[in-house]
Amino acid sequence: MRSLHQFLVIGAMGLMGLLSLTFQRTSSDNDSASLMNEAVIYASGYSQSLMDEIQTKAFDEKTKSTSVTKVDSLSLVLGPDGETYAQFDDIDDYHGYAHTDTLSRLGTFRTGIRVHYVSTMSPDTKSLLRTFSKRIELQVFNSYLPDTLSVMHVVSY
């Protein structure tokens, strides 16, 4: 009878250990999912805010104060024209812009932006020539994101 009690106690302890490990694993998975969701929400909000900011700027350096009717009048080189972020005044100034933001809970978010001329009839195709359409590509990286968050938008003049 004594060995039966010992066997039941050992079995109960083993079962309790197994339940404890399962609970810990589930709790850890929930924490990871919660951090991932938080990172996705922050990155989505930040990228949308930045994309909205970019779209308030002029289409091109040449279109800030006058209208342009020929693509040859548009800027040949994409990127800032000597401005810093605070002075960006047209869409392509954001080409090559990179920003790092660190949050105490989620760590570092790295953002990169590229702007390209694209074919007006096929905005997925980058154009080596100037066109009246530009594609803004914004990417956000963070260790809690399941993948790089990419947002693209085409702006036409």
N, C-alpha and C. Protein backbone atom coordinates (compact mmCIF):
# COMPACT_ATOMS: atom_id res chain seq x y z
N MET A 1 0.82 -1.19 0.00
CA MET A 1 0.00 0.00 0.00
C MET A 1 0.86 1.25 0.00
N ARG A 2 1.98 1.17 0.72
CA ARG A 2 2.86 2.32 0.80
C ARG A 2 3.46 2.68 -0.57
N SER A 3 3.85 1.70 -1.34
CA SER A 3 4.43 1.97 -2.65
C SER A 3 3.38 2.53 -3.61
N LEU A 4 2.12 2.18 -3.44
CA LEU A 4 1.05 2.74 -4.26
C LEU A 4 0.89 4.23 -3.98
N HIS A 5 0.96 4.61 -2.70
CA HIS A 5 0.88 6.03 -2.34
C HIS A 5 2.07 6.80 -2.92
N GLN A 6 3.24 6.21 -2.82
CA GLN A 6 4.43 6.87 -3.37
C GLN A 6 4.29 7.04 -4.88
N PHE A 7 3.81 6.00 -5.53
CA PHE A 7 3.61 6.07 -6.98
C PHE A 7 2.60 7.17 -7.35
N LEU A 8 1.50 7.28 -6.59
CA LEU A 8 0.49 8.31 -6.85
C LEU A 8 1.06 9.72 -6.61
N VAL A 9 1.87 9.88 -5.55
CA VAL A 9 2.47 11.18 -5.25
C VAL A 9 3.45 11.57 -6.36
N ILE A 10 4.28 10.63 -6.78
CA ILE A 10 5.24 10.91 -7.87
C ILE A 10 4.49 11.25 -9.16
N GLY A 11 3.43 10.52 -9.45
CA GLY A 11 2.62 10.80 -10.65
C GLY A 11 1.98 12.18 -10.59
N ALA A 12 1.45 12.52 -9.40
CA ALA A 12 0.82 13.83 -9.22
C ALA A 12 1.84 14.96 -9.38
N MET A 13 3.04 14.75 -8.84
CA MET A 13 4.09 15.77 -8.97
C MET A 13 4.51 15.93 -10.44
N GLY A 14 4.61 14.81 -11.13
CA GLY A 14 4.96 14.87 -12.55
C GLY A 14 3.90 15.60 -13.36
N LEU A 15 2.64 15.28 -13.07
CA LEU A 15 1.53 15.95 -13.76
C LEU A 15 1.52 17.45 -13.44
N MET A 16 1.78 17.79 -12.16
CA MET A 16 1.82 19.20 -11.77
C MET A 16 2.96 19.93 -12.50
N GLY A 17 4.11 19.29 -12.62
CA GLY A 17 5.24 19.87 -13.34
C GLY A 17 4.90 20.10 -14.81
N LEU A 18 4.27 19.11 -15.42
CA LEU A 18 3.87 19.23 -16.83
C LEU A 18 2.87 20.37 -17.02
N LEU A 19 1.89 20.48 -16.13
CA LEU A 19 0.92 21.57 -16.23
C LEU A 19 1.60 22.93 -16.03
N SER A 20 2.54 22.99 -15.11
CA SER A 20 3.27 24.24 -14.86
C SER A 20 4.07 24.67 -16.09
N LEU A 21 4.75 23.72 -16.73
CA LEU A 21 5.52 24.04 -17.94
C LEU A 21 4.60 24.50 -19.07
N THR A 22 3.47 23.83 -19.22
CA THR A 22 2.51 24.22 -20.25
C THR A 22 1.98 25.63 -20.00
N PHE A 23 1.69 25.93 -18.74
CA PHE A 23 1.22 27.28 -18.39
C PHE A 23 2.28 28.32 -18.69
N GLN A 24 3.54 28.05 -18.34
CA GLN A 24 4.63 28.99 -18.58
C GLN A 24 4.82 29.22 -20.08
N ARG A 25 4.77 28.14 -20.88
CA ARG A 25 4.94 28.26 -22.32
C ARG A 25 3.81 29.09 -22.92
N THR A 26 2.58 28.84 -22.49
CA THR A 26 1.43 29.59 -22.99
C THR A 26 1.53 31.06 -22.60
N SER A 27 1.94 31.31 -21.37
CA SER A 27 2.10 32.68 -20.90
C SER A 27 3.18 33.41 -21.70
N SER A 28 4.28 32.71 -21.96
CA SER A 28 5.37 33.30 -22.74
C SER A 28 4.93 33.59 -24.17
N ASP A 29 4.19 32.65 -24.79
CA ASP A 29 3.67 32.86 -26.14
C ASP A 29 2.73 34.06 -26.19
N ASN A 30 1.89 34.22 -25.16
CA ASN A 30 0.97 35.35 -25.11
C ASN A 30 1.73 36.67 -24.99
N ASP A 31 2.80 36.69 -24.19
CA ASP A 31 3.62 37.90 -24.06
C ASP A 31 4.26 38.25 -25.39
N SER A 32 4.79 37.25 -26.10
CA SER A 32 5.43 37.49 -27.41
C SER A 32 4.41 38.01 -28.41
N ALA A 33 3.23 37.42 -28.43
CA ALA A 33 2.18 37.86 -29.35
C ALA A 33 1.75 39.28 -29.01
N SER A 34 1.67 39.59 -27.74
CA SER A 34 1.29 40.94 -27.31
C SER A 34 2.33 41.98 -27.76
N LEU A 35 3.62 41.67 -27.59
CA LEU A 35 4.67 42.58 -28.03
C LEU A 35 4.66 42.74 -29.55
N MET A 36 4.44 41.64 -30.27
CA MET A 36 4.39 41.72 -31.73
C MET A 36 3.22 42.61 -32.16
N ASN A 37 2.05 42.42 -31.56
CA ASN A 37 0.89 43.25 -31.91
C ASN A 37 1.14 44.72 -31.61
N GLU A 38 1.77 44.98 -30.48
CA GLU A 38 2.10 46.36 -30.11
C GLU A 38 3.06 46.98 -31.13
N ALA A 39 4.05 46.21 -31.56
CA ALA A 39 5.01 46.70 -32.55
C ALA A 39 4.34 46.96 -33.89
N VAL A 40 3.44 46.08 -34.30
CA VAL A 40 2.72 46.26 -35.57
C VAL A 40 1.85 47.51 -35.52
N ILE A 41 1.18 47.72 -34.40
CA ILE A 41 0.32 48.90 -34.26
C ILE A 41 1.15 50.18 -34.28
N TYR A 42 2.26 50.20 -33.54
CA TYR A 42 3.11 51.39 -33.53
C TYR A 42 3.69 51.66 -34.92
N ALA A 43 4.25 50.63 -35.55
CA ALA A 43 4.88 50.80 -36.87
C ALA A 43 3.85 51.23 -37.91
N SER A 44 2.65 50.67 -37.86
CA SER A 44 1.60 51.05 -38.82
C SER A 44 1.20 52.50 -38.64
N GLY A 45 0.99 52.91 -37.40
CA GLY A 45 0.61 54.30 -37.13
C GLY A 45 1.69 55.28 -37.52
N TYR A 46 2.93 54.95 -37.17
CA TYR A 46 4.05 55.83 -37.50
C TYR A 46 4.24 55.94 -39.01
N SER A 47 4.19 54.80 -39.71
CA SER A 47 4.39 54.84 -41.16
C SER A 47 3.26 55.60 -41.86
N GLN A 48 2.04 55.44 -41.39
CA GLN A 48 0.92 56.18 -41.99
C GLN A 48 1.06 57.67 -41.74
N SER A 49 1.48 58.04 -40.54
CA SER A 49 1.69 59.44 -40.21
C SER A 49 2.77 60.06 -41.10
N LEU A 50 3.86 59.33 -41.28
CA LEU A 50 4.95 59.84 -42.12
C LEU A 50 4.52 59.91 -43.58
N MET A 51 3.77 58.92 -44.05
CA MET A 51 3.28 58.94 -45.44
C MET A 51 2.32 60.13 -45.63
N ASP A 52 1.48 60.42 -44.65
CA ASP A 52 0.59 61.58 -44.74
C ASP A 52 1.40 62.87 -44.81
N GLU A 53 2.45 62.95 -44.01
CA GLU A 53 3.32 64.14 -44.02
C GLU A 53 3.95 64.33 -45.40
N ILE A 54 4.45 63.27 -45.98
CA ILE A 54 5.12 63.35 -47.30
C ILE A 54 4.14 63.85 -48.35
N GLN A 55 2.90 63.38 -48.29
CA GLN A 55 1.92 63.74 -49.31
C GLN A 55 1.47 65.20 -49.22
N THR A 56 1.78 65.88 -48.13
CA THR A 56 1.43 67.31 -48.03
C THR A 56 2.44 68.18 -48.76
N LYS A 57 3.56 67.61 -49.18
CA LYS A 57 4.63 68.38 -49.83
C LYS A 57 4.37 68.51 -51.32
N ALA A 58 5.08 69.44 -51.93
CA ALA A 58 4.97 69.64 -53.38
C ALA A 58 5.43 68.38 -54.11
N PHE A 59 4.93 68.18 -55.32
CA PHE A 59 5.32 67.01 -56.10
C PHE A 59 6.81 67.02 -56.41
N ASP A 60 7.33 68.19 -56.73
CA ASP A 60 8.73 68.30 -57.16
C ASP A 60 9.25 69.69 -56.79
N GLU A 61 10.55 69.81 -56.73
CA GLU A 61 11.17 71.11 -56.44
C GLU A 61 10.69 72.17 -57.44
N LYS A 62 10.48 71.74 -58.69
CA LYS A 62 10.08 72.67 -59.76
C LYS A 62 8.61 73.02 -59.72
N THR A 63 7.80 72.27 -58.95
CA THR A 63 6.35 72.53 -58.93
C THR A 63 5.90 73.25 -57.67
N LYS A 64 6.85 73.72 -56.86
CA LYS A 64 6.47 74.39 -55.62
C LYS A 64 5.74 75.70 -55.87
N SER A 65 6.20 76.47 -56.85
CA SER A 65 5.61 77.79 -57.07
C SER A 65 5.01 77.98 -58.46
N THR A 66 5.31 77.08 -59.38
CA THR A 66 4.74 77.19 -60.73
C THR A 66 4.27 75.82 -61.18
N SER A 67 3.45 75.81 -62.21
CA SER A 67 3.03 74.52 -62.75
C SER A 67 4.00 74.10 -63.85
N VAL A 68 4.08 72.82 -64.05
CA VAL A 68 4.99 72.25 -65.04
C VAL A 68 4.16 71.44 -66.02
N THR A 69 4.45 71.58 -67.31
CA THR A 69 3.70 70.85 -68.32
C THR A 69 4.54 69.81 -69.05
N LYS A 70 5.87 69.86 -68.87
CA LYS A 70 6.76 68.89 -69.54
C LYS A 70 7.60 68.17 -68.49
N VAL A 71 7.74 66.87 -68.67
CA VAL A 71 8.51 66.10 -67.70
C VAL A 71 9.97 66.53 -67.67
N ASP A 72 10.47 67.10 -68.75
CA ASP A 72 11.86 67.57 -68.78
C ASP A 72 12.10 68.71 -67.79
N SER A 73 11.04 69.34 -67.33
CA SER A 73 11.18 70.43 -66.37
C SER A 73 11.32 69.92 -64.94
N LEU A 74 11.02 68.65 -64.70
CA LEU A 74 11.10 68.08 -63.34
C LEU A 74 12.55 67.83 -62.94
N SER A 75 12.78 67.70 -61.64
CA SER A 75 14.12 67.45 -61.12
C SER A 75 14.67 66.14 -61.66
N LEU A 76 15.91 66.18 -62.04
CA LEU A 76 16.58 64.99 -62.54
C LEU A 76 17.04 64.09 -61.40
N VAL A 77 17.52 64.70 -60.33
CA VAL A 77 18.06 63.96 -59.20
C VAL A 77 17.04 63.94 -58.07
N LEU A 78 16.78 62.76 -57.54
CA LEU A 78 15.86 62.62 -56.42
C LEU A 78 16.64 62.65 -55.12
N GLY A 79 16.09 63.33 -54.14
CA GLY A 79 16.74 63.45 -52.85
C GLY A 79 16.71 64.89 -52.40
N PRO A 80 17.20 65.15 -51.19
CA PRO A 80 17.18 66.53 -50.68
C PRO A 80 18.06 67.45 -51.51
N ASP A 81 17.62 68.68 -51.65
CA ASP A 81 18.38 69.69 -52.39
C ASP A 81 19.14 70.57 -51.39
N GLY A 82 19.86 69.93 -50.49
CA GLY A 82 20.59 70.66 -49.47
C GLY A 82 19.78 70.87 -48.20
N GLU A 83 18.51 70.45 -48.20
CA GLU A 83 17.67 70.63 -47.01
C GLU A 83 17.92 69.51 -46.00
N THR A 84 17.60 69.80 -44.77
CA THR A 84 17.54 68.76 -43.75
C THR A 84 16.07 68.38 -43.58
N TYR A 85 15.80 67.36 -42.80
CA TYR A 85 14.44 66.85 -42.65
C TYR A 85 13.43 67.96 -42.34
N ALA A 86 13.76 68.87 -41.46
CA ALA A 86 12.82 69.93 -41.07
C ALA A 86 12.46 70.84 -42.24
N GLN A 87 13.34 70.94 -43.24
CA GLN A 87 13.07 71.82 -44.38
C GLN A 87 12.59 71.10 -45.64
N PHE A 88 12.35 69.78 -45.57
CA PHE A 88 11.88 69.07 -46.76
C PHE A 88 10.62 69.75 -47.28
N ASP A 89 10.63 70.09 -48.58
CA ASP A 89 9.49 70.82 -49.14
C ASP A 89 8.87 70.14 -50.36
N ASP A 90 9.47 69.04 -50.81
CA ASP A 90 8.86 68.29 -51.90
C ASP A 90 9.06 66.79 -51.66
N ILE A 91 8.28 66.00 -52.36
CA ILE A 91 8.23 64.56 -52.11
C ILE A 91 9.58 63.88 -52.22
N ASP A 92 10.34 64.19 -53.27
CA ASP A 92 11.58 63.44 -53.47
C ASP A 92 12.68 63.82 -52.49
N ASP A 93 12.49 64.87 -51.68
CA ASP A 93 13.47 65.18 -50.63
C ASP A 93 13.59 64.03 -49.64
N TYR A 94 12.53 63.23 -49.53
CA TYR A 94 12.53 62.11 -48.59
C TYR A 94 13.30 60.90 -49.10
N HIS A 95 13.72 60.93 -50.37
CA HIS A 95 14.49 59.80 -50.93
C HIS A 95 15.80 59.65 -50.16
N GLY A 96 16.01 58.47 -49.60
CA GLY A 96 17.21 58.20 -48.82
C GLY A 96 17.10 58.58 -47.36
N TYR A 97 15.95 59.11 -46.94
CA TYR A 97 15.77 59.50 -45.54
C TYR A 97 15.72 58.26 -44.67
N ALA A 98 16.42 58.30 -43.56
CA ALA A 98 16.42 57.20 -42.59
C ALA A 98 16.24 57.80 -41.20
N HIS A 99 15.47 57.10 -40.39
CA HIS A 99 15.20 57.59 -39.04
C HIS A 99 15.19 56.40 -38.08
N THR A 100 15.72 56.60 -36.90
CA THR A 100 15.71 55.58 -35.86
C THR A 100 14.99 56.13 -34.65
N ASP A 101 14.05 55.34 -34.15
CA ASP A 101 13.27 55.72 -32.97
C ASP A 101 13.36 54.58 -31.98
N THR A 102 13.66 54.88 -30.72
CA THR A 102 13.78 53.84 -29.70
C THR A 102 12.69 54.02 -28.65
N LEU A 103 11.94 52.94 -28.44
CA LEU A 103 10.91 52.91 -27.41
C LEU A 103 11.39 52.00 -26.28
N SER A 104 11.13 52.38 -25.05
CA SER A 104 11.64 51.61 -23.92
C SER A 104 11.10 50.17 -23.92
N ARG A 105 9.88 49.96 -24.31
CA ARG A 105 9.29 48.62 -24.26
C ARG A 105 9.59 47.79 -25.50
N LEU A 106 9.65 48.43 -26.67
CA LEU A 106 9.76 47.68 -27.93
C LEU A 106 11.11 47.79 -28.61
N GLY A 107 12.00 48.58 -28.09
CA GLY A 107 13.33 48.69 -28.69
C GLY A 107 13.37 49.66 -29.86
N THR A 108 14.26 49.39 -30.79
CA THR A 108 14.56 50.31 -31.89
C THR A 108 13.71 50.03 -33.12
N PHE A 109 13.13 51.09 -33.66
CA PHE A 109 12.43 51.05 -34.94
C PHE A 109 13.28 51.83 -35.93
N ARG A 110 13.65 51.18 -37.03
CA ARG A 110 14.43 51.86 -38.08
C ARG A 110 13.52 52.04 -39.30
N THR A 111 13.49 53.27 -39.80
CA THR A 111 12.65 53.60 -40.94
C THR A 111 13.52 54.07 -42.10
N GLY A 112 13.21 53.61 -43.29
CA GLY A 112 13.91 54.03 -44.50
C GLY A 112 12.91 54.36 -45.59
N ILE A 113 13.23 55.39 -46.38
CA ILE A 113 12.32 55.81 -47.45
C ILE A 113 13.07 55.91 -48.77
N ARG A 114 12.42 55.43 -49.82
CA ARG A 114 12.94 55.59 -51.18
C ARG A 114 11.82 56.19 -52.03
N VAL A 115 12.21 57.06 -52.94
CA VAL A 115 11.25 57.67 -53.87
C VAL A 115 11.80 57.45 -55.27
N HIS A 116 10.93 56.98 -56.18
CA HIS A 116 11.35 56.71 -57.55
C HIS A 116 10.31 57.28 -58.52
N TYR A 117 10.80 57.69 -59.68
CA TYR A 117 9.87 57.95 -60.78
C TYR A 117 9.37 56.59 -61.24
N VAL A 118 8.09 56.52 -61.57
CA VAL A 118 7.51 55.26 -62.06
C VAL A 118 6.72 55.51 -63.32
N SER A 119 6.54 54.46 -64.07
CA SER A 119 5.73 54.53 -65.27
C SER A 119 4.30 54.87 -64.87
N THR A 120 3.72 55.87 -65.51
CA THR A 120 2.38 56.31 -65.16
C THR A 120 1.35 55.20 -65.39
N MET A 121 1.53 54.42 -66.44
CA MET A 121 0.58 53.36 -66.76
C MET A 121 0.86 52.08 -65.98
N SER A 122 2.05 51.97 -65.37
CA SER A 122 2.41 50.78 -64.60
C SER A 122 3.24 51.23 -63.38
N PRO A 123 2.57 51.67 -62.32
CA PRO A 123 3.27 52.25 -61.18
C PRO A 123 4.18 51.28 -60.42
N ASP A 124 4.13 49.98 -60.75
CA ASP A 124 5.05 49.03 -60.13
C ASP A 124 6.41 49.02 -60.83
N THR A 125 6.48 49.69 -61.98
CA THR A 125 7.70 49.69 -62.77
C THR A 125 8.46 51.00 -62.58
N LYS A 126 9.67 50.90 -62.03
CA LYS A 126 10.50 52.09 -61.86
C LYS A 126 10.91 52.60 -63.24
N SER A 127 10.98 53.91 -63.36
CA SER A 127 11.35 54.52 -64.62
C SER A 127 12.71 55.19 -64.50
N LEU A 128 13.54 54.98 -65.49
CA LEU A 128 14.83 55.66 -65.51
C LEU A 128 14.68 57.09 -66.02
N LEU A 129 13.53 57.36 -66.61
CA LEU A 129 13.24 58.70 -67.12
C LEU A 129 12.29 59.40 -66.15
N ARG A 130 12.27 60.73 -66.22
CA ARG A 130 11.33 61.49 -65.39
C ARG A 130 9.91 61.27 -65.91
N THR A 131 8.98 61.18 -64.97
CA THR A 131 7.56 61.02 -65.32
C THR A 131 6.75 61.89 -64.36
N PHE A 132 5.47 61.96 -64.60
CA PHE A 132 4.59 62.71 -63.71
C PHE A 132 4.06 61.84 -62.56
N SER A 133 4.71 60.72 -62.31
CA SER A 133 4.32 59.84 -61.19
C SER A 133 5.56 59.44 -60.39
N LYS A 134 5.42 59.48 -59.07
CA LYS A 134 6.49 59.05 -58.17
C LYS A 134 5.92 58.05 -57.18
N ARG A 135 6.70 57.00 -56.91
CA ARG A 135 6.29 56.01 -55.91
C ARG A 135 7.13 56.20 -54.66
N ILE A 136 6.45 56.31 -53.53
CA ILE A 136 7.10 56.45 -52.23
C ILE A 136 7.09 55.06 -51.58
N GLU A 137 8.28 54.57 -51.20
CA GLU A 137 8.39 53.27 -50.54
C GLU A 137 8.94 53.53 -49.14
N LEU A 138 8.17 53.16 -48.15
CA LEU A 138 8.55 53.37 -46.75
C LEU A 138 8.63 52.00 -46.08
N GLN A 139 9.75 51.76 -45.39
CA GLN A 139 9.93 50.48 -44.70
C GLN A 139 10.28 50.71 -43.25
N VAL A 140 9.69 49.90 -42.36
CA VAL A 140 9.96 49.99 -40.93
C VAL A 140 10.47 48.62 -40.46
N PHE A 141 11.59 48.62 -39.75
CA PHE A 141 12.20 47.40 -39.22
C PHE A 141 12.17 47.45 -37.69
N ASN A 142 11.84 46.31 -37.06
CA ASN A 142 11.89 46.18 -35.60
C ASN A 142 11.97 44.69 -35.29
N SER A 143 12.67 44.35 -34.22
CA SER A 143 12.86 42.94 -33.88
C SER A 143 11.55 42.24 -33.51
N TYR A 144 10.55 42.97 -33.06
CA TYR A 144 9.27 42.35 -32.70
C TYR A 144 8.31 42.22 -33.88
N LEU A 145 8.62 42.88 -34.99
CA LEU A 145 7.76 42.75 -36.17
C LEU A 145 8.01 41.39 -36.82
N PRO A 146 6.96 40.71 -37.26
CA PRO A 146 7.17 39.40 -37.89
C PRO A 146 7.91 39.51 -39.22
N ASP A 147 7.86 40.67 -39.85
CA ASP A 147 8.54 40.94 -41.11
C ASP A 147 8.67 42.45 -41.23
N THR A 148 9.43 42.91 -42.21
CA THR A 148 9.55 44.33 -42.45
C THR A 148 8.19 44.88 -42.87
N LEU A 149 7.78 45.98 -42.24
CA LEU A 149 6.53 46.62 -42.61
C LEU A 149 6.81 47.55 -43.78
N SER A 150 6.16 47.30 -44.91
CA SER A 150 6.36 48.12 -46.11
C SER A 150 5.07 48.81 -46.50
N VAL A 151 5.18 50.11 -46.77
CA VAL A 151 4.04 50.89 -47.22
C VAL A 151 4.46 51.60 -48.50
N MET A 152 3.64 51.52 -49.52
CA MET A 152 3.94 52.18 -50.79
C MET A 152 2.76 53.04 -51.20
N HIS A 153 3.10 54.16 -51.83
CA HIS A 153 2.04 55.05 -52.32
C HIS A 153 2.55 55.73 -53.59
N VAL A 154 1.69 55.86 -54.56
CA VAL A 154 2.04 56.54 -55.81
C VAL A 154 1.36 57.90 -55.83
N VAL A 155 2.16 58.92 -56.14
CA VAL A 155 1.64 60.28 -56.25
C VAL A 155 1.85 60.73 -57.69
N SER A 156 0.81 61.27 -58.30
CA SER A 156 0.92 61.77 -59.67
C SER A 156 0.64 63.26 -59.70
N TYR A 157 1.29 63.91 -60.63
CA TYR A 157 1.16 65.36 -60.77
C TYR A 157 0.15 65.68 -61.82
